[in-house]
Protein backbone atom coordinates (compact mmCIF):
# COMPACT_ATOMS: atom_id res chain seq x y z
CA MET A 1 24.13 16.29 1.56
CA GLU A 2 21.69 17.91 -1.53
CA ASP A 3 22.31 15.02 -3.71
CA VAL A 4 21.10 12.70 -0.70
CA PHE A 5 18.11 14.92 -0.70
CA GLN A 6 17.86 15.20 -4.27
CA GLN A 7 17.94 10.73 -4.39
CA LEU A 8 15.42 10.77 -1.14
CA GLN A 9 13.15 13.40 -2.73
CA GLN A 10 12.45 10.59 -5.62
CA LYS A 11 11.66 8.04 -3.75
CA ASP A 12 10.03 9.11 -1.15
CA ASP A 13 10.00 13.02 -0.26
CA ARG A 14 8.28 12.25 3.53
CA ILE A 15 11.59 11.15 4.63
CA VAL A 16 13.04 14.67 3.34
CA GLN A 17 10.79 16.25 5.24
CA ILE A 18 11.41 14.16 8.45
CA PHE A 19 15.29 14.43 8.27
CA ARG A 20 14.80 18.47 7.91
CA ASN A 21 12.55 18.58 10.78
CA GLU A 22 15.10 16.66 13.16
CA GLU A 23 18.14 19.09 10.98
CA ILE A 24 19.71 16.01 9.67
CA GLU A 25 21.36 17.55 7.52
CA ASP A 26 24.96 16.73 6.72
CA LEU A 27 26.20 13.67 5.49
CA GLU A 28 27.82 12.15 8.07
CA THR A 29 24.91 12.51 10.25
CA PHE A 30 23.11 10.78 7.71
CA LEU A 31 25.74 7.42 7.52
CA GLU A 32 25.21 7.22 10.96
CA LEU A 33 21.49 6.35 11.55
CA ASN A 34 20.97 3.19 12.84
CA GLU A 35 17.69 1.13 14.02
CA ARG A 36 17.31 3.54 17.36
CA ASP A 37 17.05 6.35 15.15
CA TYR A 38 14.67 4.12 12.81
CA SER A 39 12.54 3.21 15.66
CA ARG A 40 12.78 7.22 17.20
CA LEU A 41 11.41 8.72 13.70
CA GLN A 42 9.04 6.10 13.50
CA LEU A 43 10.03 5.40 10.00
CA THR A 44 8.51 2.61 8.02
CA THR A 45 10.26 -0.40 6.43
CA LYS A 46 9.92 0.84 3.04
CA MET A 47 11.70 4.29 4.60
CA ILE A 48 14.15 2.33 6.34
CA LYS A 49 15.48 0.23 3.06
CA THR A 50 15.43 3.37 1.19
CA ILE A 51 17.69 4.58 3.73
CA GLU A 52 19.76 1.71 3.65
CA LYS A 53 20.39 1.14 0.07
CA LEU A 54 21.68 5.15 0.11
CA GLN A 55 23.73 4.86 2.99
CA ALA A 56 25.37 1.85 1.31
CA GLN A 57 25.68 3.70 -1.73
CA PHE A 58 27.97 6.39 -0.17
CA ARG A 59 29.86 4.34 2.03
CA GLU A 60 31.56 2.03 -1.02
CA LYS A 61 33.24 4.81 -1.91
CA PRO A 62 36.49 3.89 -3.88
CA GLU A 63 40.09 4.50 -2.55
CA ASP A 64 41.19 7.11 -4.67
CA CYS A 65 38.47 9.27 -3.44
CA LYS A 66 40.08 11.43 -0.74
CA GLU A 67 37.02 12.66 0.55
CA HIS A 68 33.35 11.94 0.72
CA GLU A 69 31.94 14.73 -0.53
CA GLU A 70 34.58 14.36 -3.06
CA TRP A 71 33.13 11.34 -4.25
CA VAL A 72 29.72 12.38 -4.10
CA GLU A 73 30.24 14.73 -6.33
CA GLU A 74 31.85 12.33 -8.85
CA VAL A 75 29.02 9.97 -8.53
CA SER A 76 27.00 13.08 -9.05
CA ASN A 77 28.33 13.99 -12.11
CA ASN A 78 29.00 10.18 -13.03
CA ASP A 79 32.78 10.99 -13.94
CA SER A 80 34.31 8.22 -12.17
CA GLU A 81 33.27 4.94 -13.43
CA ASN A 82 34.97 2.95 -10.49
CA CYS A 83 32.34 5.36 -8.14
CA GLN A 84 30.09 4.24 -10.98
CA GLU A 85 30.60 0.36 -10.44
CA ASN A 86 30.63 0.49 -6.37
CA ALA A 87 27.14 1.98 -6.06
CA VAL A 88 24.25 -0.34 -5.00
CA SER A 89 21.54 -0.31 -7.56
CA TRP A 90 18.53 1.24 -6.47
CA ASP A 91 15.98 -1.41 -8.18
CA ALA A 92 13.34 1.56 -9.97
CA ASP A 93 11.75 -0.70 -11.75
CA ASN A 94 9.97 -1.90 -8.49
CA PRO A 95 9.93 0.33 -5.24
CA TYR A 96 8.27 -2.62 -3.38
CA HIS A 97 11.02 -5.44 -4.43
CA GLY A 98 12.31 -7.05 -0.89
CA ILE A 99 9.37 -5.72 1.27
CA SER A 100 7.37 -8.71 2.71
CA LEU A 101 3.46 -9.08 3.86
CA GLU A 102 4.27 -8.76 7.52
CA GLU A 103 6.59 -5.62 7.33
CA ILE A 104 3.78 -4.17 5.37
CA SER A 105 1.24 -5.04 8.68
CA TYR A 106 4.21 -4.10 11.06
CA ASP A 107 4.50 -0.68 9.46
CA PHE A 108 0.55 -0.01 9.49
CA LYS A 109 0.56 -0.77 12.79
CA MET A 110 3.39 2.18 13.67
CA MET A 111 1.79 4.35 11.62
CA LYS A 112 -1.94 3.87 12.99
CA PRO A 113 -1.20 2.53 16.45
CA ALA A 114 -4.61 3.36 17.42
CA ALA A 115 -6.23 0.83 14.53
CA GLY A 116 -8.02 -1.92 15.66
CA GLU A 117 -7.51 -5.82 14.72
CA PHE A 118 -8.93 -6.29 11.23
CA PHE A 119 -10.75 -9.87 11.83
CA GLU A 120 -11.58 -9.47 15.07
CA LYS A 121 -13.97 -6.49 13.85
CA TRP A 122 -14.83 -8.51 10.54
CA ILE A 123 -15.96 -11.63 11.62
CA THR A 124 -18.80 -10.33 13.23
CA LEU A 125 -19.33 -7.36 10.67
CA GLU A 126 -19.72 -9.77 7.80
CA GLN A 127 -22.00 -11.83 9.55
CA LYS A 128 -24.34 -9.10 10.40
CA ILE A 129 -24.07 -7.94 6.72
CA LEU A 130 -24.61 -11.07 5.17
CA THR A 131 -28.03 -11.61 7.56
CA THR A 132 -28.98 -8.13 7.08
CA TYR A 133 -28.82 -7.77 3.46
CA LYS A 134 -29.56 -11.93 2.72
CA GLU A 135 -31.41 -11.02 -0.66
CA MET A 136 -28.46 -8.87 -2.33
CA PHE A 137 -26.03 -10.34 -4.29
CA LYS A 138 -27.68 -14.03 -4.24
CA GLU A 139 -25.63 -15.35 -7.37
CA ILE A 140 -22.20 -14.60 -5.65
CA LYS A 141 -21.56 -17.61 -3.19
CA HIS A 142 -18.44 -16.87 -1.51
CA ASP A 143 -19.41 -15.16 1.49
CA PHE A 144 -16.58 -12.31 1.95
CA ILE A 145 -16.89 -11.34 -1.66
CA ARG A 146 -20.68 -11.25 -1.37
CA ALA A 147 -20.20 -8.99 2.35
CA LEU A 148 -17.70 -6.52 0.13
CA ALA A 149 -20.15 -6.16 -2.59
CA ILE A 150 -22.72 -4.93 -0.48
CA ILE A 151 -20.83 -2.84 1.57
CA LYS A 152 -19.57 -1.34 -1.96
CA GLU A 153 -23.46 -1.24 -2.74
CA LYS A 154 -24.51 0.76 -0.13
CA ASN A 155 -21.40 2.90 0.66
CA PRO A 156 -21.36 4.49 -2.90
CA SER A 157 -19.34 7.20 -3.93
CA ARG A 158 -20.22 10.26 -6.37
CA GLY A 159 -19.34 8.79 -9.95
CA SER A 160 -19.58 5.27 -8.77
CA LYS A 161 -22.59 3.68 -10.31
CA ARG A 162 -21.53 5.79 -13.58
CA ARG A 163 -18.28 3.98 -13.60
CA GLN A 164 -19.74 0.59 -12.98
CA ALA A 165 -22.08 1.13 -16.20
CA ASP A 166 -19.55 2.36 -18.41
CA ASN A 167 -17.44 -0.80 -17.00
CA GLY A 168 -20.31 -3.70 -17.86
CA GLY A 169 -21.04 -3.98 -14.49
CA ASN A 170 -20.39 -7.73 -14.58
CA ASN A 171 -18.06 -6.84 -11.53
CA PRO A 172 -19.79 -5.60 -8.38
CA LEU A 173 -16.19 -4.93 -6.93
CA ASN A 174 -15.03 -3.48 -10.39
CA GLY A 175 -12.02 -1.16 -8.86
CA ILE A 176 -11.06 -2.53 -6.25
CA VAL A 177 -10.85 -6.28 -6.38
CA HIS A 178 -10.20 -6.91 -10.21
CA PHE A 179 -10.77 -10.93 -11.16
CA ILE A 180 -9.03 -13.03 -13.83
CA ARG A 181 -9.48 -16.37 -15.55
CA ALA A 182 -7.09 -19.20 -14.60
CA ASP A 183 -4.99 -18.78 -17.74
CA ASP A 184 -4.74 -14.91 -17.96
CA GLU A 185 -1.73 -12.82 -17.53
CA ILE A 186 -1.43 -10.80 -14.15
CA PRO A 187 -2.18 -6.53 -15.38
CA THR A 188 0.55 -4.78 -15.11
CA ASP A 189 -0.26 -1.67 -16.60
CA GLU A 190 -3.50 -0.41 -13.84
CA ASN A 191 -3.27 2.78 -12.94
CA ILE A 192 -5.23 2.30 -9.55
CA PRO A 193 -4.49 0.67 -6.56
CA LEU A 194 -5.98 -3.58 -6.88
CA LEU A 195 -6.28 -6.77 -5.59
CA ILE A 196 -5.84 -9.10 -8.54
CA VAL A 197 -7.45 -12.24 -8.01
CA ARG A 198 -7.48 -15.80 -10.40
CA GLY A 199 -10.96 -16.87 -10.08
CA SER A 200 -14.57 -15.41 -10.16
CA PHE A 201 -16.22 -13.16 -8.01
CA SER A 202 -19.03 -15.49 -7.60
CA ALA A 203 -17.53 -18.31 -6.51
CA ASP A 204 -14.26 -19.12 -4.97
CA SER A 205 -11.23 -17.46 -6.20
CA ASN A 206 -6.95 -18.06 -5.09
CA GLU A 207 -3.76 -16.67 -5.81
CA CYS A 208 -4.42 -13.50 -4.70
CA THR A 209 -1.62 -10.52 -5.97
CA LEU A 210 -1.40 -6.88 -4.91
CA HIS A 211 -1.16 -4.38 -7.72
CA LEU A 212 0.45 -0.83 -7.22
CA LEU A 213 1.29 1.71 -9.38
CA GLY A 214 2.03 -0.98 -12.52
CA HIS A 215 3.86 -2.83 -9.97
CA ASN A 216 2.50 -6.12 -8.29
CA ILE A 217 3.14 -8.29 -5.17
CA PRO A 218 1.58 -11.71 -4.57
CA VAL A 219 -0.33 -12.01 -1.17
CA GLY A 220 -1.20 -15.35 -1.22
CA ASN A 221 -4.40 -17.51 -1.56
CA ASP A 222 -6.44 -16.70 1.22
CA LEU A 223 -8.53 -14.14 0.15
CA ARG A 224 -9.74 -11.96 3.34
CA SER A 225 -5.75 -11.87 4.46
CA ALA A 226 -5.15 -10.57 0.99
CA PHE A 227 -7.55 -8.14 1.39
CA LYS A 228 -6.26 -7.16 4.79
CA ILE A 229 -3.02 -6.48 3.46
CA TYR A 230 -4.41 -4.56 0.43
CA LEU A 231 -6.08 -1.91 2.87
CA GLU A 232 -2.75 -1.71 4.90
CA SER A 233 -0.97 -1.47 2.13
CA LEU A 234 -2.63 2.05 0.71
CA THR A 235 -1.74 3.66 3.88
CA VAL A 236 1.80 2.53 4.69
CA PHE A 237 2.49 3.29 0.58
CA ASN A 238 0.59 6.73 0.86
CA ILE A 239 -1.37 5.66 -1.90
CA THR A 240 -4.69 7.57 -2.66
CA PRO A 241 -7.57 4.77 -3.72
CA ALA A 242 -9.95 6.28 -6.71
CA ALA A 243 -12.28 8.92 -5.72
CA PHE A 244 -15.21 7.15 -6.62
CA ASP A 245 -14.99 4.42 -4.16
CA LYS A 246 -13.43 7.08 -1.88
CA GLN A 247 -16.61 5.81 0.83
CA PHE A 248 -16.02 1.85 0.21
CA PHE A 249 -12.28 2.97 1.85
CA LEU A 250 -13.74 4.98 4.23
CA PHE A 251 -15.80 2.66 6.16
CA PHE A 252 -13.19 -0.07 6.36
CA ASN A 253 -10.96 2.60 7.69
CA GLY A 254 -13.55 3.77 10.19
CA ALA A 255 -15.54 0.56 10.90
CA VAL A 256 -13.51 -1.87 10.84
CA PHE A 257 -9.47 -0.38 11.70
CA GLY A 258 -11.12 2.53 13.69
CA PHE A 259 -8.54 5.40 12.89
CA GLU A 260 -11.47 7.26 10.90
CA THR A 261 -14.67 8.89 11.35
CA LEU A 262 -17.32 7.64 9.30
CA SER A 263 -19.59 9.77 7.00
CA THR A 264 -23.07 10.08 7.02
CA THR A 265 -23.72 7.21 4.78
CA GLY A 266 -21.09 4.65 6.71
CA MET A 267 -22.91 5.57 10.03
CA THR A 268 -26.34 4.83 8.24
CA PHE A 269 -25.09 1.95 6.79
CA MET A 270 -23.78 0.85 10.11
CA HIS A 271 -27.14 1.73 12.04
CA SER A 272 -29.00 -0.44 9.60
CA LEU A 273 -27.20 -3.38 10.70
CA GLN A 274 -28.32 -3.18 14.35
CA GLN A 275 -31.91 -3.48 13.41
């Protein structure tokens, strides 16, 4: 079973902690886990896929492996060619492969059951922001992007203005939404979570891609829906955004989703929208 724990640790150490808390510490119990157990343990879709791949790997043993534990040892030590041939690929190059956008939203609701519906709150909030701060970022024609730029400007984190200046200051959403031209390749080596959008921040945009830790997930052409998935994925995949944008993301978690407490900066901004 330690071999199982070692492989799970590499994928998502939260699973190991859940198993130890539930005293799932032998191979037979692990292999018998099913949908009912996943629901009881409140596992995310990514966790379930990880478990099921590993279950398949340990079930597909060759006939001459008399005992399960003997086969596990052979796989671990790479001593059995047959066992290697029957092992299921882990797709180590992309841990998000095969996960749909619907699954991300479903997992988010499972993990944050008290979170409100994004669009129910955002529709009214966006209009208040654009009306209250009608003189800000007038060059941006896309209402949603303009509202995001205002939120970022009014909810600064330590170091954010210096970082914006260091990057030329052309994109008011630098470090959060990355805009590329129609003929540009989608970046694959950014070290922070990004929403990559093909188009310009000052006009309409399309083809959105979620960039997580060096891996890309297409998220459609609707920018608002793509941004919602972007926010949800940070929680689902346990990814911490850059520190210099902490206040920006805290605002959405507190004012839109409602599962975090707003900072003083966020509360001040919300109060300004009521005046």
